Amino acid sequence: MTLPEEGALLRIFVGESDRHEGKLLYEWLVVKAKERGLAGATVLRGVMGFGAHSRLHTFKIERLSEDLPVIVEIVDVREKLEAFLEEIEGHVPEGLATLEKAFVRFYRGGTAR
């Protein structure tokens, strides 16, 4: 698979304990992105954040949160990401999704080991 230089980056912000049909939501999103043939996805765990409810989630020991912020980043072309967003939007009850331009410098796999 190749990607054009002008790609797009989808970021989906959710909580690490959010679920979809019993499965962790961020895992479900990555599996769904792979099933749809998107170029790549990465899950990042935040150490602190807040969202629409203005509740502070933090990793500090004195306020250990069990629902830290998680960001699912997915890269592909804009059209494919918009179609993916339409498919998953109704399955993400809380969170934030952003879509922005991404200039792809390279997209390649390593050599087989």
PDB file of N, CA and C in Angstrom:
ATOM      1  N   MET A   1       0.843  -1.185   0.000  1.00  0.00           N
ATOM      2  CA  MET A   1       0.000   0.000   0.000  1.00  0.00           C
ATOM      3  C   MET A   1       0.877   1.232   0.000  1.00  0.00           C
ATOM      4  N   THR A   2       0.484   2.213  -0.764  1.00  0.00           N
ATOM      5  CA  THR A   2       1.186   3.489  -0.766  1.00  0.00           C
ATOM      6  C   THR A   2       0.224   4.586  -0.339  1.00  0.00           C
ATOM      7  N   LEU A   3       0.773   5.639   0.165  1.00  0.00           N
ATOM      8  CA  LEU A   3      -0.016   6.801   0.572  1.00  0.00           C
ATOM      9  C   LEU A   3       0.476   8.012  -0.201  1.00  0.00           C
ATOM     10  N   PRO A   4      -0.441   8.862  -0.646  1.00  0.00           N
ATOM     11  CA  PRO A   4       0.001  10.101  -1.284  1.00  0.00           C
ATOM     12  C   PRO A   4       0.609  11.033  -0.237  1.00  0.00           C
ATOM     13  N   GLU A   5       1.372  12.000  -0.704  1.00  0.00           N
ATOM     14  CA  GLU A   5       1.999  12.940   0.226  1.00  0.00           C
ATOM     15  C   GLU A   5       0.958  13.680   1.055  1.00  0.00           C
ATOM     16  N   GLU A   6      -0.162  14.026   0.453  1.00  0.00           N
ATOM     17  CA  GLU A   6      -1.198  14.730   1.209  1.00  0.00           C
ATOM     18  C   GLU A   6      -2.186  13.713   1.777  1.00  0.00           C
ATOM     19  N   GLY A   7      -1.968  13.372   3.024  1.00  0.00           N
ATOM     20  CA  GLY A   7      -2.836  12.434   3.729  1.00  0.00           C
ATOM     21  C   GLY A   7      -3.645  13.165   4.782  1.00  0.00           C
ATOM     22  N   ALA A   8      -4.154  12.407   5.721  1.00  0.00           N
ATOM     23  CA  ALA A   8      -4.923  12.993   6.817  1.00  0.00           C
ATOM     24  C   ALA A   8      -4.671  12.190   8.087  1.00  0.00           C
ATOM     25  N   LEU A   9      -4.859  12.851   9.215  1.00  0.00           N
ATOM     26  CA  LEU A   9      -4.679  12.247  10.535  1.00  0.00           C
ATOM     27  C   LEU A   9      -5.982  12.385  11.304  1.00  0.00           C
ATOM     28  N   LEU A  10      -6.532  11.268  11.712  1.00  0.00           N
ATOM     29  CA  LEU A  10      -7.731  11.233  12.543  1.00  0.00           C
ATOM     30  C   LEU A  10      -7.291  10.944  13.960  1.00  0.00           C
ATOM     31  N   ARG A  11      -7.724  11.775  14.891  1.00  0.00           N
ATOM     32  CA  ARG A  11      -7.458  11.546  16.315  1.00  0.00           C
ATOM     33  C   ARG A  11      -8.796  11.370  17.018  1.00  0.00           C
ATOM     34  N   ILE A  12      -8.899  10.300  17.770  1.00  0.00           N
ATOM     35  CA  ILE A  12     -10.114  10.027  18.547  1.00  0.00           C
ATOM     36  C   ILE A  12      -9.702   9.954  20.005  1.00  0.00           C
ATOM     37  N   PHE A  13     -10.252  10.862  20.810  1.00  0.00           N
ATOM     38  CA  PHE A  13      -9.936  10.949  22.232  1.00  0.00           C
ATOM     39  C   PHE A  13     -11.054  10.268  23.014  1.00  0.00           C
ATOM     40  N   VAL A  14     -10.708   9.241  23.789  1.00  0.00           N
ATOM     41  CA  VAL A  14     -11.677   8.516  24.609  1.00  0.00           C
ATOM     42  C   VAL A  14     -11.031   8.205  25.955  1.00  0.00           C
ATOM     43  N   GLY A  15     -11.773   7.590  26.841  1.00  0.00           N
ATOM     44  CA  GLY A  15     -11.232   7.137  28.117  1.00  0.00           C
ATOM     45  C   GLY A  15     -10.750   5.701  28.000  1.00  0.00           C
ATOM     46  N   GLU A  16      -9.711   5.355  28.758  1.00  0.00           N
ATOM     47  CA  GLU A  16      -9.137   4.018  28.609  1.00  0.00           C
ATOM     48  C   GLU A  16     -10.078   2.910  29.066  1.00  0.00           C
ATOM     49  N   SER A  17     -11.080   3.222  29.862  1.00  0.00           N
ATOM     50  CA  SER A  17     -12.010   2.180  30.302  1.00  0.00           C
ATOM     51  C   SER A  17     -13.308   2.168  29.493  1.00  0.00           C
ATOM     52  N   ASP A  18     -13.449   3.076  28.518  1.00  0.00           N
ATOM     53  CA  ASP A  18     -14.643   3.091  27.667  1.00  0.00           C
ATOM     54  C   ASP A  18     -14.730   1.784  26.897  1.00  0.00           C
ATOM     55  N   ARG A  19     -15.963   1.300  26.727  1.00  0.00           N
ATOM     56  CA  ARG A  19     -16.167   0.001  26.094  1.00  0.00           C
ATOM     57  C   ARG A  19     -17.179   0.070  24.969  1.00  0.00           C
ATOM     58  N   HIS A  20     -17.047  -0.883  24.061  1.00  0.00           N
ATOM     59  CA  HIS A  20     -18.019  -1.090  22.984  1.00  0.00           C
ATOM     60  C   HIS A  20     -18.316  -2.580  22.948  1.00  0.00           C
ATOM     61  N   GLU A  21     -19.552  -2.945  23.270  1.00  0.00           N
ATOM     62  CA  GLU A  21     -19.983  -4.340  23.295  1.00  0.00           C
ATOM     63  C   GLU A  21     -19.024  -5.214  24.093  1.00  0.00           C
ATOM     64  N   GLY A  22     -18.611  -4.731  25.267  1.00  0.00           N
ATOM     65  CA  GLY A  22     -17.760  -5.488  26.170  1.00  0.00           C
ATOM     66  C   GLY A  22     -16.270  -5.402  25.889  1.00  0.00           C
ATOM     67  N   LYS A  23     -15.880  -4.875  24.740  1.00  0.00           N
ATOM     68  CA  LYS A  23     -14.471  -4.756  24.365  1.00  0.00           C
ATOM     69  C   LYS A  23     -14.018  -3.328  24.622  1.00  0.00           C
ATOM     70  N   LEU A  24     -12.748  -3.155  24.993  1.00  0.00           N
ATOM     71  CA  LEU A  24     -12.233  -1.801  25.172  1.00  0.00           C
ATOM     72  C   LEU A  24     -12.421  -1.020  23.879  1.00  0.00           C
ATOM     73  N   LEU A  25     -12.951   0.197  24.003  1.00  0.00           N
ATOM     74  CA  LEU A  25     -13.299   0.990  22.835  1.00  0.00           C
ATOM     75  C   LEU A  25     -12.091   1.266  21.948  1.00  0.00           C
ATOM     76  N   TYR A  26     -10.952   1.601  22.542  1.00  0.00           N
ATOM     77  CA  TYR A  26      -9.780   1.897  21.715  1.00  0.00           C
ATOM     78  C   TYR A  26      -9.321   0.654  20.954  1.00  0.00           C
ATOM     79  N   GLU A  27      -9.448  -0.527  21.556  1.00  0.00           N
ATOM     80  CA  GLU A  27      -9.097  -1.760  20.844  1.00  0.00           C
ATOM     81  C   GLU A  27     -10.066  -2.002  19.691  1.00  0.00           C
ATOM     82  N   TRP A  28     -11.348  -1.794  19.952  1.00  0.00           N
ATOM     83  CA  TRP A  28     -12.362  -1.982  18.917  1.00  0.00           C
ATOM     84  C   TRP A  28     -12.100  -1.042  17.736  1.00  0.00           C
ATOM     85  N   LEU A  29     -11.729   0.216  18.033  1.00  0.00           N
ATOM     86  CA  LEU A  29     -11.456   1.189  16.977  1.00  0.00           C
ATOM     87  C   LEU A  29     -10.269   0.767  16.110  1.00  0.00           C
ATOM     88  N   VAL A  30      -9.203   0.288  16.732  1.00  0.00           N
ATOM     89  CA  VAL A  30      -8.019  -0.127  15.980  1.00  0.00           C
ATOM     90  C   VAL A  30      -8.330  -1.354  15.120  1.00  0.00           C
ATOM     91  N   VAL A  31      -9.036  -2.323  15.679  1.00  0.00           N
ATOM     92  CA  VAL A  31      -9.402  -3.519  14.919  1.00  0.00           C
ATOM     93  C   VAL A  31     -10.297  -3.139  13.738  1.00  0.00           C
ATOM     94  N   LYS A  32     -11.257  -2.256  13.979  1.00  0.00           N
ATOM     95  CA  LYS A  32     -12.162  -1.799  12.915  1.00  0.00           C
ATOM     96  C   LYS A  32     -11.378  -1.063  11.824  1.00  0.00           C
ATOM     97  N   ALA A  33     -10.405  -0.239  12.210  1.00  0.00           N
ATOM     98  CA  ALA A  33      -9.572   0.472  11.230  1.00  0.00           C
ATOM     99  C   ALA A  33      -8.775  -0.522  10.384  1.00  0.00           C
ATOM    100  N   LYS A  34      -8.253  -1.558  11.016  1.00  0.00           N
ATOM    101  CA  LYS A  34      -7.500  -2.579  10.275  1.00  0.00           C
ATOM    102  C   LYS A  34      -8.420  -3.326   9.320  1.00  0.00           C
ATOM    103  N   GLU A  35      -9.621  -3.682   9.788  1.00  0.00           N
ATOM    104  CA  GLU A  35     -10.599  -4.364   8.933  1.00  0.00           C
ATOM    105  C   GLU A  35     -10.953  -3.523   7.711  1.00  0.00           C
ATOM    106  N   ARG A  36     -10.988  -2.212   7.863  1.00  0.00           N
ATOM    107  CA  ARG A  36     -11.342  -1.315   6.760  1.00  0.00           C
ATOM    108  C   ARG A  36     -10.158  -1.012   5.854  1.00  0.00           C
ATOM    109  N   GLY A  37      -9.000  -1.576   6.173  1.00  0.00           N
ATOM    110  CA  GLY A  37      -7.832  -1.400   5.314  1.00  0.00           C
ATOM    111  C   GLY A  37      -7.168  -0.046   5.425  1.00  0.00           C
ATOM    112  N   LEU A  38      -7.331   0.635   6.544  1.00  0.00           N
ATOM    113  CA  LEU A  38      -6.687   1.935   6.720  1.00  0.00           C
ATOM    114  C   LEU A  38      -5.185   1.739   6.893  1.00  0.00           C
ATOM    115  N   ALA A  39      -4.419   2.768   6.599  1.00  0.00           N
ATOM    116  CA  ALA A  39      -2.964   2.649   6.522  1.00  0.00           C
ATOM    117  C   ALA A  39      -2.296   2.306   7.847  1.00  0.00           C
ATOM    118  N   GLY A  40      -2.766   2.867   8.947  1.00  0.00           N
ATOM    119  CA  GLY A  40      -2.129   2.578  10.228  1.00  0.00           C
ATOM    120  C   GLY A  40      -2.836   3.246  11.380  1.00  0.00           C
ATOM    121  N   ALA A  41      -2.669   2.669  12.563  1.00  0.00           N
ATOM    122  CA  ALA A  41      -3.291   3.209  13.773  1.00  0.00           C
ATOM    123  C   ALA A  41      -2.353   3.003  14.954  1.00  0.00           C
ATOM    124  N   THR A  42      -2.380   3.944  15.875  1.00  0.00           N
ATOM    125  CA  THR A  42      -1.585   3.873  17.096  1.00  0.00           C
ATOM    126  C   THR A  42      -2.440   4.361  18.252  1.00  0.00           C
ATOM    127  N   VAL A  43      -2.293   3.722  19.409  1.00  0.00           N
ATOM    128  CA  VAL A  43      -3.000   4.151  20.618  1.00  0.00           C
ATOM    129  C   VAL A  43      -1.981   4.752  21.573  1.00  0.00           C
ATOM    130  N   LEU A  44      -2.279   5.961  22.037  1.00  0.00           N
ATOM    131  CA  LEU A  44      -1.416   6.663  22.987  1.00  0.00           C
ATOM    132  C   LEU A  44      -2.179   6.854  24.290  1.00  0.00           C
ATOM    133  N   ARG A  45      -1.530   6.573  25.403  1.00  0.00           N
ATOM    134  CA  ARG A  45      -2.152   6.740  26.713  1.00  0.00           C
ATOM    135  C   ARG A  45      -1.668   8.038  27.324  1.00  0.00           C
ATOM    136  N   GLY A  46      -2.613   8.881  27.706  1.00  0.00           N
ATOM    137  CA  GLY A  46      -2.267  10.153  28.320  1.00  0.00           C
ATOM    138  C   GLY A  46      -2.017  10.012  29.809  1.00  0.00           C
ATOM    139  N   VAL A  47      -1.269  10.944  30.372  1.00  0.00           N
ATOM    140  CA  VAL A  47      -1.019  10.927  31.810  1.00  0.00           C
ATOM    141  C   VAL A  47      -1.920  11.912  32.556  1.00  0.00           C
ATOM    142  N   MET A  48      -2.564  12.800  31.790  1.00  0.00           N
ATOM    143  CA  MET A  48      -3.458  13.760  32.415  1.00  0.00           C
ATOM    144  C   MET A  48      -4.341  14.383  31.348  1.00  0.00           C
ATOM    145  N   GLY A  49      -5.571  14.699  31.701  1.00  0.00           N
ATOM    146  CA  GLY A  49      -6.454  15.357  30.750  1.00  0.00           C
ATOM    147  C   GLY A  49      -7.844  15.568  31.311  1.00  0.00           C
ATOM    148  N   PHE A  50      -8.657  16.306  30.548  1.00  0.00           N
ATOM    149  CA  PHE A  50     -10.065  16.463  30.865  1.00  0.00           C
ATOM    150  C   PHE A  50     -10.796  16.662  29.559  1.00  0.00           C
ATOM    151  N   GLY A  51     -12.107  16.464  29.598  1.00  0.00           N
ATOM    152  CA  GLY A  51     -12.897  16.580  28.382  1.00  0.00           C
ATOM    153  C   GLY A  51     -14.184  17.333  28.620  1.00  0.00           C
ATOM    154  N   ALA A  52     -15.232  16.928  27.923  1.00  0.00           N
ATOM    155  CA  ALA A  52     -16.508  17.640  27.938  1.00  0.00           C
ATOM    156  C   ALA A  52     -17.129  17.738  29.329  1.00  0.00           C
ATOM    157  N   HIS A  53     -16.857  16.760  30.199  1.00  0.00           N
ATOM    158  CA  HIS A  53     -17.418  16.799  31.558  1.00  0.00           C
ATOM    159  C   HIS A  53     -16.559  17.602  32.530  1.00  0.00           C
ATOM    160  N   SER A  54     -15.402  18.056  32.078  1.00  0.00           N
ATOM    161  CA  SER A  54     -14.450  18.830  32.882  1.00  0.00           C
ATOM    162  C   SER A  54     -13.935  18.081  34.107  1.00  0.00           C
ATOM    163  N   ARG A  55     -14.021  16.762  34.095  1.00  0.00           N
ATOM    164  CA  ARG A  55     -13.427  15.953  35.167  1.00  0.00           C
ATOM    165  C   ARG A  55     -11.958  15.761  34.850  1.00  0.00           C
ATOM    166  N   LEU A  56     -11.104  16.008  35.839  1.00  0.00           N
ATOM    167  CA  LEU A  56      -9.670  15.856  35.636  1.00  0.00           C
ATOM    168  C   LEU A  56      -9.284  14.399  35.835  1.00  0.00           C
ATOM    169  N   HIS A  57      -8.589  13.828  34.869  1.00  0.00           N
ATOM    170  CA  HIS A  57      -8.086  12.467  34.937  1.00  0.00           C
ATOM    171  C   HIS A  57      -6.568  12.575  34.978  1.00  0.00           C
ATOM    172  N   THR A  58      -5.950  11.944  35.976  1.00  0.00           N
ATOM    173  CA  THR A  58      -4.513  12.080  36.139  1.00  0.00           C
ATOM    174  C   THR A  58      -3.896  10.787  36.634  1.00  0.00           C
ATOM    175  N   PHE A  59      -2.595  10.642  36.402  1.00  0.00           N
ATOM    176  CA  PHE A  59      -1.852   9.474  36.815  1.00  0.00           C
ATOM    177  C   PHE A  59      -1.156   9.691  38.158  1.00  0.00           C
ATOM    178  N   LYS A  60      -1.305  10.870  38.755  1.00  0.00           N
ATOM    179  CA  LYS A  60      -0.644  11.160  40.024  1.00  0.00           C
ATOM    180  C   LYS A  60      -1.133  10.182  41.100  1.00  0.00           C
ATOM    181  N   ILE A  61      -0.216   9.708  41.913  1.00  0.00           N
ATOM    182  CA  ILE A  61      -0.532   8.696  42.925  1.00  0.00           C
ATOM    183  C   ILE A  61      -1.643   9.155  43.863  1.00  0.00           C
ATOM    184  N   GLU A  62      -1.600  10.417  44.286  1.00  0.00           N
ATOM    185  CA  GLU A  62      -2.605  10.898  45.240  1.00  0.00           C
ATOM    186  C   GLU A  62      -4.003  11.021  44.609  1.00  0.00           C
ATOM    187  N   ARG A  63      -4.088  10.996  43.282  1.00  0.00           N
ATOM    188  CA  ARG A  63      -5.383  11.087  42.600  1.00  0.00           C
ATOM    189  C   ARG A  63      -5.428  10.088  41.453  1.00  0.00           C
ATOM    190  N   LEU A  64      -5.069   8.848  41.733  1.00  0.00           N
ATOM    191  CA  LEU A  64      -4.947   7.840  40.680  1.00  0.00           C
ATOM    192  C   LEU A  64      -6.275   7.617  39.975  1.00  0.00           C
ATOM    193  N   SER A  65      -6.298   7.918  38.703  1.00  0.00           N
ATOM    194  CA  SER A  65      -7.489   7.759  37.885  1.00  0.00           C
ATOM    195  C   SER A  65      -7.498   6.367  37.281  1.00  0.00           C
ATOM    196  N   GLU A  66      -8.676   5.791  37.178  1.00  0.00           N
ATOM    197  CA  GLU A  66      -8.806   4.502  36.521  1.00  0.00           C
ATOM    198  C   GLU A  66      -9.335   4.684  35.111  1.00  0.00           C
ATOM    199  N   ASP A  67      -9.398   5.923  34.666  1.00  0.00           N
ATOM    200  CA  ASP A  67      -9.905   6.184  33.329  1.00  0.00           C
ATOM    201  C   ASP A  67      -9.061   7.282  32.683  1.00  0.00           C
ATOM    202  N   LEU A  68      -7.806   6.977  32.445  1.00  0.00           N
ATOM    203  CA  LEU A  68      -6.900   7.956  31.837  1.00  0.00           C
ATOM    204  C   LEU A  68      -7.290   8.212  30.388  1.00  0.00           C
ATOM    205  N   PRO A  69      -6.907   9.368  29.859  1.00  0.00           N
ATOM    206  CA  PRO A  69      -7.224   9.659  28.465  1.00  0.00           C
ATOM    207  C   PRO A  69      -6.432   8.756  27.517  1.00  0.00           C
ATOM    208  N   VAL A  70      -7.081   8.385  26.432  1.00  0.00           N
ATOM    209  CA  VAL A  70      -6.456   7.572  25.395  1.00  0.00           C
ATOM    210  C   VAL A  70      -6.721   8.257  24.060  1.00  0.00           C
ATOM    211  N   ILE A  71      -5.704   8.305  23.210  1.00  0.00           N
ATOM    212  CA  ILE A  71      -5.848   8.883  21.870  1.00  0.00           C
ATOM    213  C   ILE A  71      -5.566   7.787  20.856  1.00  0.00           C
ATOM    214  N   VAL A  72      -6.512   7.581  19.970  1.00  0.00           N
ATOM    215  CA  VAL A  72      -6.322   6.663  18.859  1.00  0.00           C
ATOM    216  C   VAL A  72      -6.008   7.519  17.644  1.00  0.00           C
ATOM    217  N   GLU A  73      -4.814   7.351  17.079  1.00  0.00           N
ATOM    218  CA  GLU A  73      -4.416   8.102  15.888  1.00  0.00           C
ATOM    219  C   GLU A  73      -4.437   7.165  14.693  1.00  0.00           C
ATOM    220  N   ILE A  74      -5.094   7.605  13.630  1.00  0.00           N
ATOM    221  CA  ILE A  74      -5.212   6.800  12.415  1.00  0.00           C
ATOM    222  C   ILE A  74      -4.828   7.677  11.230  1.00  0.00           C
ATOM    223  N   VAL A  75      -3.956   7.156  10.369  1.00  0.00           N
ATOM    224  CA  VAL A  75      -3.490   7.903   9.203  1.00  0.00           C
ATOM    225  C   VAL A  75      -3.952   7.203   7.932  1.00  0.00           C
ATOM    226  N   ASP A  76      -4.435   7.982   6.993  1.00  0.00           N
ATOM    227  CA  ASP A  76      -4.789   7.502   5.659  1.00  0.00           C
ATOM    228  C   ASP A  76      -5.156   8.724   4.832  1.00  0.00           C
ATOM    229  N   VAL A  77      -5.868   8.539   3.737  1.00  0.00           N
ATOM    230  CA  VAL A  77      -6.349   9.676   2.962  1.00  0.00           C
ATOM    231  C   VAL A  77      -7.662  10.160   3.581  1.00  0.00           C
ATOM    232  N   ARG A  78      -7.950  11.427   3.403  1.00  0.00           N
ATOM    233  CA  ARG A  78      -9.109  12.059   4.037  1.00  0.00           C
ATOM    234  C   ARG A  78     -10.422  11.340   3.738  1.00  0.00           C
ATOM    235  N   GLU A  79     -10.627  10.952   2.490  1.00  0.00           N
ATOM    236  CA  GLU A  79     -11.894  10.324   2.099  1.00  0.00           C
ATOM    237  C   GLU A  79     -12.137   9.028   2.873  1.00  0.00           C
ATOM    238  N   LYS A  80     -11.095   8.215   3.023  1.00  0.00           N
ATOM    239  CA  LYS A  80     -11.242   6.952   3.749  1.00  0.00           C
ATOM    240  C   LYS A  80     -11.489   7.195   5.237  1.00  0.00           C
ATOM    241  N   LEU A  81     -10.835   8.212   5.790  1.00  0.00           N
ATOM    242  CA  LEU A  81     -11.032   8.518   7.207  1.00  0.00           C
ATOM    243  C   LEU A  81     -12.422   9.090   7.464  1.00  0.00           C
ATOM    244  N   GLU A  82     -12.935   9.904   6.557  1.00  0.00           N
ATOM    245  CA  GLU A  82     -14.292  10.427   6.725  1.00  0.00           C
ATOM    246  C   GLU A  82     -15.321   9.300   6.657  1.00  0.00           C
ATOM    247  N   ALA A  83     -15.125   8.340   5.757  1.00  0.00           N
ATOM    248  CA  ALA A  83     -16.032   7.187   5.676  1.00  0.00           C
ATOM    249  C   ALA A  83     -15.947   6.363   6.956  1.00  0.00           C
ATOM    250  N   PHE A  84     -14.745   6.196   7.500  1.00  0.00           N
ATOM    251  CA  PHE A  84     -14.556   5.469   8.749  1.00  0.00           C
ATOM    252  C   PHE A  84     -15.264   6.180   9.897  1.00  0.00           C
ATOM    253  N   LEU A  85     -15.122   7.503   9.949  1.00  0.00           N
ATOM    254  CA  LEU A  85     -15.792   8.300  10.984  1.00  0.00           C
ATOM    255  C   LEU A  85     -17.304   8.113  10.937  1.00  0.00           C
ATOM    256  N   GLU A  86     -17.872   8.145   9.752  1.00  0.00           N
ATOM    257  CA  GLU A  86     -19.317   7.946   9.615  1.00  0.00           C
ATOM    258  C   GLU A  86     -19.732   6.587  10.164  1.00  0.00           C
ATOM    259  N   GLU A  87     -18.911   5.583   9.934  1.00  0.00           N
ATOM    260  CA  GLU A  87     -19.229   4.236  10.390  1.00  0.00           C
ATOM    261  C   GLU A  87     -19.158   4.088  11.910  1.00  0.00           C
ATOM    262  N   ILE A  88     -18.191   4.722  12.536  1.00  0.00           N
ATOM    263  CA  ILE A  88     -17.976   4.509  13.974  1.00  0.00           C
ATOM    264  C   ILE A  88     -18.629   5.547  14.874  1.00  0.00           C
ATOM    265  N   GLU A  89     -19.024   6.679  14.314  1.00  0.00           N
ATOM    266  CA  GLU A  89     -19.496   7.798  15.145  1.00  0.00           C
ATOM    267  C   GLU A  89     -20.587   7.402  16.132  1.00  0.00           C
ATOM    268  N   GLY A  90     -21.541   6.623  15.722  1.00  0.00           N
ATOM    269  CA  GLY A  90     -22.624   6.212  16.606  1.00  0.00           C
ATOM    270  C   GLY A  90     -22.219   5.231  17.688  1.00  0.00           C
ATOM    271  N   HIS A  91     -20.982   4.716  17.616  1.00  0.00           N
ATOM    272  CA  HIS A  91     -20.501   3.737  18.589  1.00  0.00           C
ATOM    273  C   HIS A  91     -19.564   4.353  19.623  1.00  0.00           C
ATOM    274  N   VAL A  92     -19.349   5.658  19.538  1.00  0.00           N
ATOM    275  CA  VAL A  92     -18.474   6.360  20.484  1.00  0.00           C
ATOM    276  C   VAL A  92     -19.361   7.316  21.287  1.00  0.00           C
ATOM    277  N   PRO A  93     -19.845   6.857  22.451  1.00  0.00           N
ATOM    278  CA  PRO A  93     -20.808   7.661  23.216  1.00  0.00           C
ATOM    279  C   PRO A  93     -20.233   8.944  23.815  1.00  0.00           C
ATOM    280  N   GLU A  94     -18.939   8.945  24.156  1.00  0.00           N
ATOM    281  CA  GLU A  94     -18.276  10.120  24.721  1.00  0.00           C
ATOM    282  C   GLU A  94     -16.903  10.228  24.101  1.00  0.00           C
ATOM    283  N   GLY A  95     -16.446  11.451  23.892  1.00  0.00           N
ATOM    284  CA  GLY A  95     -15.103  11.633  23.367  1.00  0.00           C
ATOM    285  C   GLY A  95     -15.039  12.794  22.398  1.00  0.00           C
ATOM    286  N   LEU A  96     -13.979  12.820  21.634  1.00  0.00           N
ATOM    287  CA  LEU A  96     -13.718  13.890  20.678  1.00  0.00           C
ATOM    288  C   LEU A  96     -12.997  13.279  19.487  1.00  0.00           C
ATOM    289  N   ALA A  97     -13.364  13.701  18.299  1.00  0.00           N
ATOM    290  CA  ALA A  97     -12.658  13.268  17.096  1.00  0.00           C
ATOM    291  C   ALA A  97     -12.232  14.508  16.318  1.00  0.00           C
ATOM    292  N   THR A  98     -10.982  14.515  15.872  1.00  0.00           N
ATOM    293  CA  THR A  98     -10.476  15.607  15.041  1.00  0.00           C
ATOM    294  C   THR A  98      -9.874  15.008  13.774  1.00  0.00           C
ATOM    295  N   LEU A  99      -9.917  15.779  12.713  1.00  0.00           N
ATOM    296  CA  LEU A  99      -9.363  15.348  11.437  1.00  0.00           C
ATOM    297  C   LEU A  99      -8.533  16.506  10.889  1.00  0.00           C
ATOM    298  N   GLU A 100      -7.293  16.229  10.549  1.00  0.00           N
ATOM    299  CA  GLU A 100      -6.421  17.289  10.062  1.00  0.00           C
ATOM    300  C   GLU A 100      -5.536  16.794   8.932  1.00  0.00           C
ATOM    301  N   LYS A 101      -4.984  17.735   8.184  1.00  0.00           N
ATOM    302  CA  LYS A 101      -4.047  17.393   7.114  1.00  0.00           C
ATOM    303  C   LYS A 101      -2.792  16.796   7.719  1.00  0.00           C
ATOM    304  N   ALA A 102      -2.249  15.837   7.004  1.00  0.00           N
ATOM    305  CA  ALA A 102      -0.958  15.263   7.394  1.00  0.00           C
ATOM    306  C   ALA A 102      -0.138  15.098   6.125  1.00  0.00           C
ATOM    307  N   PHE A 103       1.078  15.587   6.141  1.00  0.00           N
ATOM    308  CA  PHE A 103       1.960  15.421   4.999  1.00  0.00           C
ATOM    309  C   PHE A 103       2.801  14.171   5.225  1.00  0.00           C
ATOM    310  N   VAL A 104       2.585  13.190   4.400  1.00  0.00           N
ATOM    311  CA  VAL A 104       3.238  11.897   4.547  1.00  0.00           C
ATOM    312  C   VAL A 104       4.624  11.963   3.903  1.00  0.00           C
ATOM    313  N   ARG A 105       5.652  11.806   4.694  1.00  0.00           N
ATOM    314  CA  ARG A 105       7.028  11.832   4.186  1.00  0.00           C
ATOM    315  C   ARG A 105       7.429  10.453   3.679  1.00  0.00           C
ATOM    316  N   PHE A 106       7.056   9.414   4.410  1.00  0.00           N
ATOM    317  CA  PHE A 106       7.254   8.049   3.933  1.00  0.00           C
ATOM    318  C   PHE A 106       6.294   7.129   4.664  1.00  0.00           C
ATOM    319  N   TYR A 107       5.997   6.005   4.035  1.00  0.00           N
ATOM    320  CA  TYR A 107       5.139   4.966   4.601  1.00  0.00           C
ATOM    321  C   TYR A 107       5.664   3.649   4.053  1.00  0.00           C
ATOM    322  N   ARG A 108       6.383   2.939   4.887  1.00  0.00           N
ATOM    323  CA  ARG A 108       6.983   1.700   4.423  1.00  0.00           C
ATOM    324  C   ARG A 108       7.148   0.735   5.584  1.00  0.00           C
ATOM    325  N   GLY A 109       7.164  -0.527   5.259  1.00  0.00           N
ATOM    326  CA  GLY A 109       7.414  -1.562   6.254  1.00  0.00           C
ATOM    327  C   GLY A 109       8.884  -1.928   6.235  1.00  0.00           C
ATOM    328  N   GLY A 110       9.317  -2.598   7.282  1.00  0.00           N
ATOM    329  CA  GLY A 110      10.697  -3.042   7.336  1.00  0.00           C
ATOM    330  C   GLY A 110      10.873  -4.293   6.500  1.00  0.00           C
ATOM    331  N   THR A 111      12.080  -4.771   6.434  1.00  0.00           N
ATOM    332  CA  THR A 111      12.354  -5.999   5.702  1.00  0.00           C
ATOM    333  C   THR A 111      11.931  -7.188   6.552  1.00  0.00           C
ATOM    334  N   ALA A 112      11.541  -8.264   5.906  1.00  0.00           N
ATOM    335  CA  ALA A 112      11.120  -9.462   6.623  1.00  0.00           C
ATOM    336  C   ALA A 112      12.293 -10.040   7.389  1.00  0.00           C
ATOM    337  N   ARG A 113      11.994 -10.530   8.588  1.00  0.00           N
ATOM    338  CA  ARG A 113      13.067 -11.103   9.435  1.00  0.00           C
ATOM    339  C   ARG A 113      12.998 -12.599   9.425  1.00  0.00           C
TER     340      ARG A 113
END
